[in-house]
Structure formats: structure tokens, C-alpha cells
């Protein structure tokens, strides 16, 4: 997968960061969303519990029907299986929804910060490092000429 970085050469303004610095910056972006991320972690645990209970309930239900043939107890277990599946689905839904919302907000903030950093640069910076220049990393373009 080394081809992903083909054509991306180092520039004079490039900086190097340690893993610790990068993780610190990532945590800084997610810190305002700590409550949502805690909720997501809780949904992961609850979804896992419901998904783990499901095969146990199915096995218990089959054992109950095989041993005493009580359809009343089997009906209760079938209801418990349905409730467990519905709860697992619900927990997974809220996990995905809140994860997408938190990550989307972080990406928006990151894009706004990048835009602000670009706009704060002195214009002479772009004389030395022009933006928008064609590179090997961008897909090739063709000039569209009108047909006569």
C-alpha cells in the first residue's frame, strides 16, 4: 500500500510530530464530546451483553422444550429472545448514531481549524509554496475542448 504516498514529497514547511503529540491533539478535539463518547462506550457494552445473552436464551429455550415440553415457559423464553434482540439492535443504533455525530463534529472543527490556519498565513508563504499545483498525488485531468 505504499502507492498511497507516491508523489507526495516533503516540503520545506513540513513538521514532524511524535505519537504522543498527535494523540494529545486528537484527545483535545474529542474532549468536548467526552459525554457522547462515554455514552457510546456504554452502548457498546450493553449491545455486547445483549448479543451474548441471545445464544444463551436460545439454548435454554431448546432445553426447556426438550425436557418438559412446557410451551408456556417456551413462550416466555421466546419473548425474552425477542426483547434481547430488539435491545441489541436499539443499543447498536444509538451507538452508531452518536459515533457518527461526534466524529462529524470533530471533523468539522478540524476542517475549520485548517481553514483558519491557511487564512492566517502571510501571502508571501504562498509565493514560495503555491497551492493548487498539480502533483502526482492528484488524479490526472483532461482539458475539455468544444467539438466543432
C-alpha atoms as a PDB file:
ATOM      1  CA  UNK A   1       0.000   0.000   0.000  1.00  0.00           C
ATOM      2  CA  UNK A   2       2.990   2.253  -0.394  1.00  0.00           C
ATOM      3  CA  UNK A   3       1.401   3.671  -3.534  1.00  0.00           C
ATOM      4  CA  UNK A   4      -0.838   5.856  -1.358  1.00  0.00           C
ATOM      5  CA  UNK A   5       2.062   8.171  -0.618  1.00  0.00           C
ATOM      6  CA  UNK A   6       3.522   8.182  -4.142  1.00  0.00           C
ATOM      7  CA  UNK A   7       4.139  11.687  -5.415  1.00  0.00           C
ATOM      8  CA  UNK A   8       3.815  13.298  -2.008  1.00  0.00           C
ATOM      9  CA  UNK A   9       7.220  14.774  -1.416  1.00  0.00           C
ATOM     10  CA  UNK A  10       8.387  16.578   1.696  1.00  0.00           C
ATOM     11  CA  UNK A  11       8.089  20.349   1.644  1.00  0.00           C
ATOM     12  CA  UNK A  12      10.231  22.865   3.469  1.00  0.00           C
ATOM     13  CA  UNK A  13       7.405  23.799   5.842  1.00  0.00           C
ATOM     14  CA  UNK A  14       6.596  20.200   6.855  1.00  0.00           C
ATOM     15  CA  UNK A  15       6.710  19.459  10.552  1.00  0.00           C
ATOM     16  CA  UNK A  16       7.280  16.201  12.369  1.00  0.00           C
ATOM     17  CA  UNK A  17       5.266  15.235  15.414  1.00  0.00           C
ATOM     18  CA  UNK A  18       5.708  12.466  17.929  1.00  0.00           C
ATOM     19  CA  UNK A  19       2.937   9.958  18.513  1.00  0.00           C
ATOM     20  CA  UNK A  20       2.352  11.493  21.938  1.00  0.00           C
ATOM     21  CA  UNK A  21       1.839  14.954  20.418  1.00  0.00           C
ATOM     22  CA  UNK A  22      -0.575  13.599  17.810  1.00  0.00           C
ATOM     23  CA  UNK A  23      -2.588  11.646  20.403  1.00  0.00           C
ATOM     24  CA  UNK A  24      -2.724  14.726  22.607  1.00  0.00           C
ATOM     25  CA  UNK A  25      -4.133  16.776  19.739  1.00  0.00           C
ATOM     26  CA  UNK A  26      -6.687  14.078  18.915  1.00  0.00           C
ATOM     27  CA  UNK A  27      -7.818  13.954  22.562  1.00  0.00           C
ATOM     28  CA  UNK A  28      -8.076  17.749  22.578  1.00  0.00           C
ATOM     29  CA  UNK A  29     -10.505  17.578  19.665  1.00  0.00           C
ATOM     30  CA  UNK A  30     -12.604  14.826  21.285  1.00  0.00           C
ATOM     31  CA  UNK A  31     -12.580  16.322  24.806  1.00  0.00           C
ATOM     32  CA  UNK A  32     -15.735  18.454  24.229  1.00  0.00           C
ATOM     33  CA  UNK A  33     -17.506  15.256  23.159  1.00  0.00           C
ATOM     34  CA  UNK A  34     -16.453  13.217  26.192  1.00  0.00           C
ATOM     35  CA  UNK A  35     -20.044  12.710  27.370  1.00  0.00           C
ATOM     36  CA  UNK A  36     -21.151  11.431  23.969  1.00  0.00           C
ATOM     37  CA  UNK A  37     -18.141   9.124  23.775  1.00  0.00           C
ATOM     38  CA  UNK A  38     -18.918   7.752  27.271  1.00  0.00           C
ATOM     39  CA  UNK A  39     -22.484   7.122  26.093  1.00  0.00           C
ATOM     40  CA  UNK A  40     -21.110   5.325  23.018  1.00  0.00           C
ATOM     41  CA  UNK A  41     -18.889   3.160  25.241  1.00  0.00           C
ATOM     42  CA  UNK A  42     -21.922   2.301  27.383  1.00  0.00           C
ATOM     43  CA  UNK A  43     -23.911   1.365  24.270  1.00  0.00           C
ATOM     44  CA  UNK A  44     -21.053  -0.901  23.142  1.00  0.00           C
ATOM     45  CA  UNK A  45     -21.086  -2.721  26.480  1.00  0.00           C
ATOM     46  CA  UNK A  46     -24.892  -3.069  26.535  1.00  0.00           C
ATOM     47  CA  UNK A  47     -25.003  -4.231  22.908  1.00  0.00           C
ATOM     48  CA  UNK A  48     -22.322  -6.809  23.673  1.00  0.00           C
ATOM     49  CA  UNK A  49     -24.248  -8.046  26.709  1.00  0.00           C
ATOM     50  CA  UNK A  50     -27.483  -8.398  24.761  1.00  0.00           C
ATOM     51  CA  UNK A  51     -25.689 -10.150  21.901  1.00  0.00           C
ATOM     52  CA  UNK A  52     -24.039 -12.547  24.400  1.00  0.00           C
ATOM     53  CA  UNK A  53     -27.357 -13.293  26.154  1.00  0.00           C
ATOM     54  CA  UNK A  54     -29.102 -14.177  22.892  1.00  0.00           C
ATOM     55  CA  UNK A  55     -27.483 -17.624  22.266  1.00  0.00           C
ATOM     56  CA  UNK A  56     -27.825 -18.483  25.960  1.00  0.00           C
ATOM     57  CA  UNK A  57     -31.553 -17.775  25.840  1.00  0.00           C
ATOM     58  CA  UNK A  58     -31.928 -19.831  22.664  1.00  0.00           C
ATOM     59  CA  UNK A  59     -30.084 -22.800  24.218  1.00  0.00           C
ATOM     60  CA  UNK A  60     -32.138 -22.525  27.425  1.00  0.00           C
ATOM     61  CA  UNK A  61     -35.353 -22.389  25.393  1.00  0.00           C
ATOM     62  CA  UNK A  62     -34.482 -25.509  23.417  1.00  0.00           C
ATOM     63  CA  UNK A  63     -33.553 -27.339  26.624  1.00  0.00           C
ATOM     64  CA  UNK A  64     -36.837 -26.334  28.248  1.00  0.00           C
ATOM     65  CA  UNK A  65     -38.921 -27.552  25.315  1.00  0.00           C
ATOM     66  CA  UNK A  66     -36.941 -30.813  25.084  1.00  0.00           C
ATOM     67  CA  UNK A  67     -37.147 -31.627  28.809  1.00  0.00           C
ATOM     68  CA  UNK A  68     -40.672 -30.806  29.910  1.00  0.00           C
ATOM     69  CA  UNK A  69     -42.402 -29.631  26.756  1.00  0.00           C
ATOM     70  CA  UNK A  70     -43.884 -26.648  28.575  1.00  0.00           C
ATOM     71  CA  UNK A  71     -44.997 -24.243  25.892  1.00  0.00           C
ATOM     72  CA  UNK A  72     -45.793 -21.607  28.484  1.00  0.00           C
ATOM     73  CA  UNK A  73     -42.153 -21.450  29.628  1.00  0.00           C
ATOM     74  CA  UNK A  74     -41.046 -21.623  25.998  1.00  0.00           C
ATOM     75  CA  UNK A  75     -43.274 -18.645  25.224  1.00  0.00           C
ATOM     76  CA  UNK A  76     -41.601 -16.625  27.983  1.00  0.00           C
ATOM     77  CA  UNK A  77     -38.161 -17.551  26.631  1.00  0.00           C
ATOM     78  CA  UNK A  78     -39.208 -16.670  23.079  1.00  0.00           C
ATOM     79  CA  UNK A  79     -40.352 -13.279  24.367  1.00  0.00           C
ATOM     80  CA  UNK A  80     -37.038 -12.832  26.175  1.00  0.00           C
ATOM     81  CA  UNK A  81     -35.180 -13.722  22.960  1.00  0.00           C
ATOM     82  CA  UNK A  82     -37.177 -11.143  21.010  1.00  0.00           C
ATOM     83  CA  UNK A  83     -36.616  -8.464  23.671  1.00  0.00           C
ATOM     84  CA  UNK A  84     -32.892  -9.248  23.794  1.00  0.00           C
ATOM     85  CA  UNK A  85     -32.599  -8.964  20.002  1.00  0.00           C
ATOM     86  CA  UNK A  86     -34.586  -5.721  19.929  1.00  0.00           C
ATOM     87  CA  UNK A  87     -32.466  -4.214  22.712  1.00  0.00           C
ATOM     88  CA  UNK A  88     -29.244  -5.247  20.955  1.00  0.00           C
ATOM     89  CA  UNK A  89     -30.487  -3.571  17.764  1.00  0.00           C
ATOM     90  CA  UNK A  90     -31.525  -0.430  19.682  1.00  0.00           C
ATOM     91  CA  UNK A  91     -28.195  -0.153  21.518  1.00  0.00           C
ATOM     92  CA  UNK A  92     -26.313  -0.616  18.235  1.00  0.00           C
ATOM     93  CA  UNK A  93     -28.457   2.068  16.555  1.00  0.00           C
ATOM     94  CA  UNK A  94     -27.752   4.646  19.268  1.00  0.00           C
ATOM     95  CA  UNK A  95     -24.052   3.728  19.255  1.00  0.00           C
ATOM     96  CA  UNK A  96     -23.735   4.284  15.513  1.00  0.00           C
ATOM     97  CA  UNK A  97     -25.817   7.453  15.540  1.00  0.00           C
ATOM     98  CA  UNK A  98     -23.849   9.108  18.357  1.00  0.00           C
ATOM     99  CA  UNK A  99     -20.494   7.946  16.993  1.00  0.00           C
ATOM    100  CA  UNK A 100     -21.281   9.488  13.611  1.00  0.00           C
ATOM    101  CA  UNK A 101     -22.424  12.708  15.265  1.00  0.00           C
ATOM    102  CA  UNK A 102     -19.299  13.037  17.449  1.00  0.00           C
ATOM    103  CA  UNK A 103     -16.867  12.167  14.658  1.00  0.00           C
ATOM    104  CA  UNK A 104     -18.674  14.503  12.262  1.00  0.00           C
ATOM    105  CA  UNK A 105     -18.396  17.372  14.735  1.00  0.00           C
ATOM    106  CA  UNK A 106     -14.692  16.675  15.290  1.00  0.00           C
ATOM    107  CA  UNK A 107     -14.028  16.566  11.535  1.00  0.00           C
ATOM    108  CA  UNK A 108     -15.916  19.850  11.087  1.00  0.00           C
ATOM    109  CA  UNK A 109     -13.858  21.505  13.826  1.00  0.00           C
ATOM    110  CA  UNK A 110     -10.647  20.137  12.328  1.00  0.00           C
ATOM    111  CA  UNK A 111     -11.573  21.476   8.889  1.00  0.00           C
ATOM    112  CA  UNK A 112     -12.432  24.879  10.344  1.00  0.00           C
ATOM    113  CA  UNK A 113      -9.099  24.994  12.176  1.00  0.00           C
ATOM    114  CA  UNK A 114      -7.232  24.032   8.991  1.00  0.00           C
ATOM    115  CA  UNK A 115      -9.050  26.738   7.037  1.00  0.00           C
ATOM    116  CA  UNK A 116      -8.306  29.325   9.734  1.00  0.00           C
ATOM    117  CA  UNK A 117      -4.631  28.325   9.706  1.00  0.00           C
ATOM    118  CA  UNK A 118      -4.463  28.700   5.920  1.00  0.00           C
ATOM    119  CA  UNK A 119      -6.148  32.099   6.037  1.00  0.00           C
ATOM    120  CA  UNK A 120      -3.852  33.313   8.837  1.00  0.00           C
ATOM    121  CA  UNK A 121      -0.702  32.711   6.784  1.00  0.00           C
ATOM    122  CA  UNK A 122       1.100  35.632   5.244  1.00  0.00           C
ATOM    123  CA  UNK A 123       0.583  35.793   1.498  1.00  0.00           C
ATOM    124  CA  UNK A 124       4.340  35.561   0.884  1.00  0.00           C
ATOM    125  CA  UNK A 125       4.182  31.971   2.170  1.00  0.00           C
ATOM    126  CA  UNK A 126       2.203  31.037  -0.941  1.00  0.00           C
ATOM    127  CA  UNK A 127       4.823  32.615  -3.211  1.00  0.00           C
ATOM    128  CA  UNK A 128       7.305  30.003  -2.041  1.00  0.00           C
ATOM    129  CA  UNK A 129       4.797  27.136  -1.589  1.00  0.00           C
ATOM    130  CA  UNK A 130       1.989  27.582  -4.127  1.00  0.00           C
ATOM    131  CA  UNK A 131      -1.283  25.807  -3.530  1.00  0.00           C
ATOM    132  CA  UNK A 132      -3.294  24.066  -6.165  1.00  0.00           C
ATOM    133  CA  UNK A 133      -0.318  22.958  -8.177  1.00  0.00           C
ATOM    134  CA  UNK A 134      -0.693  19.683  -9.988  1.00  0.00           C
ATOM    135  CA  UNK A 135       1.020  16.782  -8.284  1.00  0.00           C
ATOM    136  CA  UNK A 136       1.316  13.062  -8.848  1.00  0.00           C
ATOM    137  CA  UNK A 137      -0.981  12.524  -5.884  1.00  0.00           C
ATOM    138  CA  UNK A 138      -3.948  14.152  -7.627  1.00  0.00           C
ATOM    139  CA  UNK A 139      -5.786  12.359 -10.401  1.00  0.00           C
ATOM    140  CA  UNK A 140      -4.935  13.427 -13.928  1.00  0.00           C
ATOM    141  CA  UNK A 141      -7.258  15.901 -15.586  1.00  0.00           C
ATOM    142  CA  UNK A 142      -8.062  16.408 -19.227  1.00  0.00           C
ATOM    143  CA  UNK A 143      -8.890  19.673 -20.901  1.00  0.00           C
ATOM    144  CA  UNK A 144     -12.376  19.517 -22.311  1.00  0.00           C
ATOM    145  CA  UNK A 145     -12.421  21.115 -25.706  1.00  0.00           C
ATOM    146  CA  UNK A 146     -15.607  22.035 -27.505  1.00  0.00           C
ATOM    147  CA  UNK A 147     -16.447  19.974 -30.532  1.00  0.00           C
ATOM    148  CA  UNK A 148     -16.907  21.851 -33.728  1.00  0.00           C
END
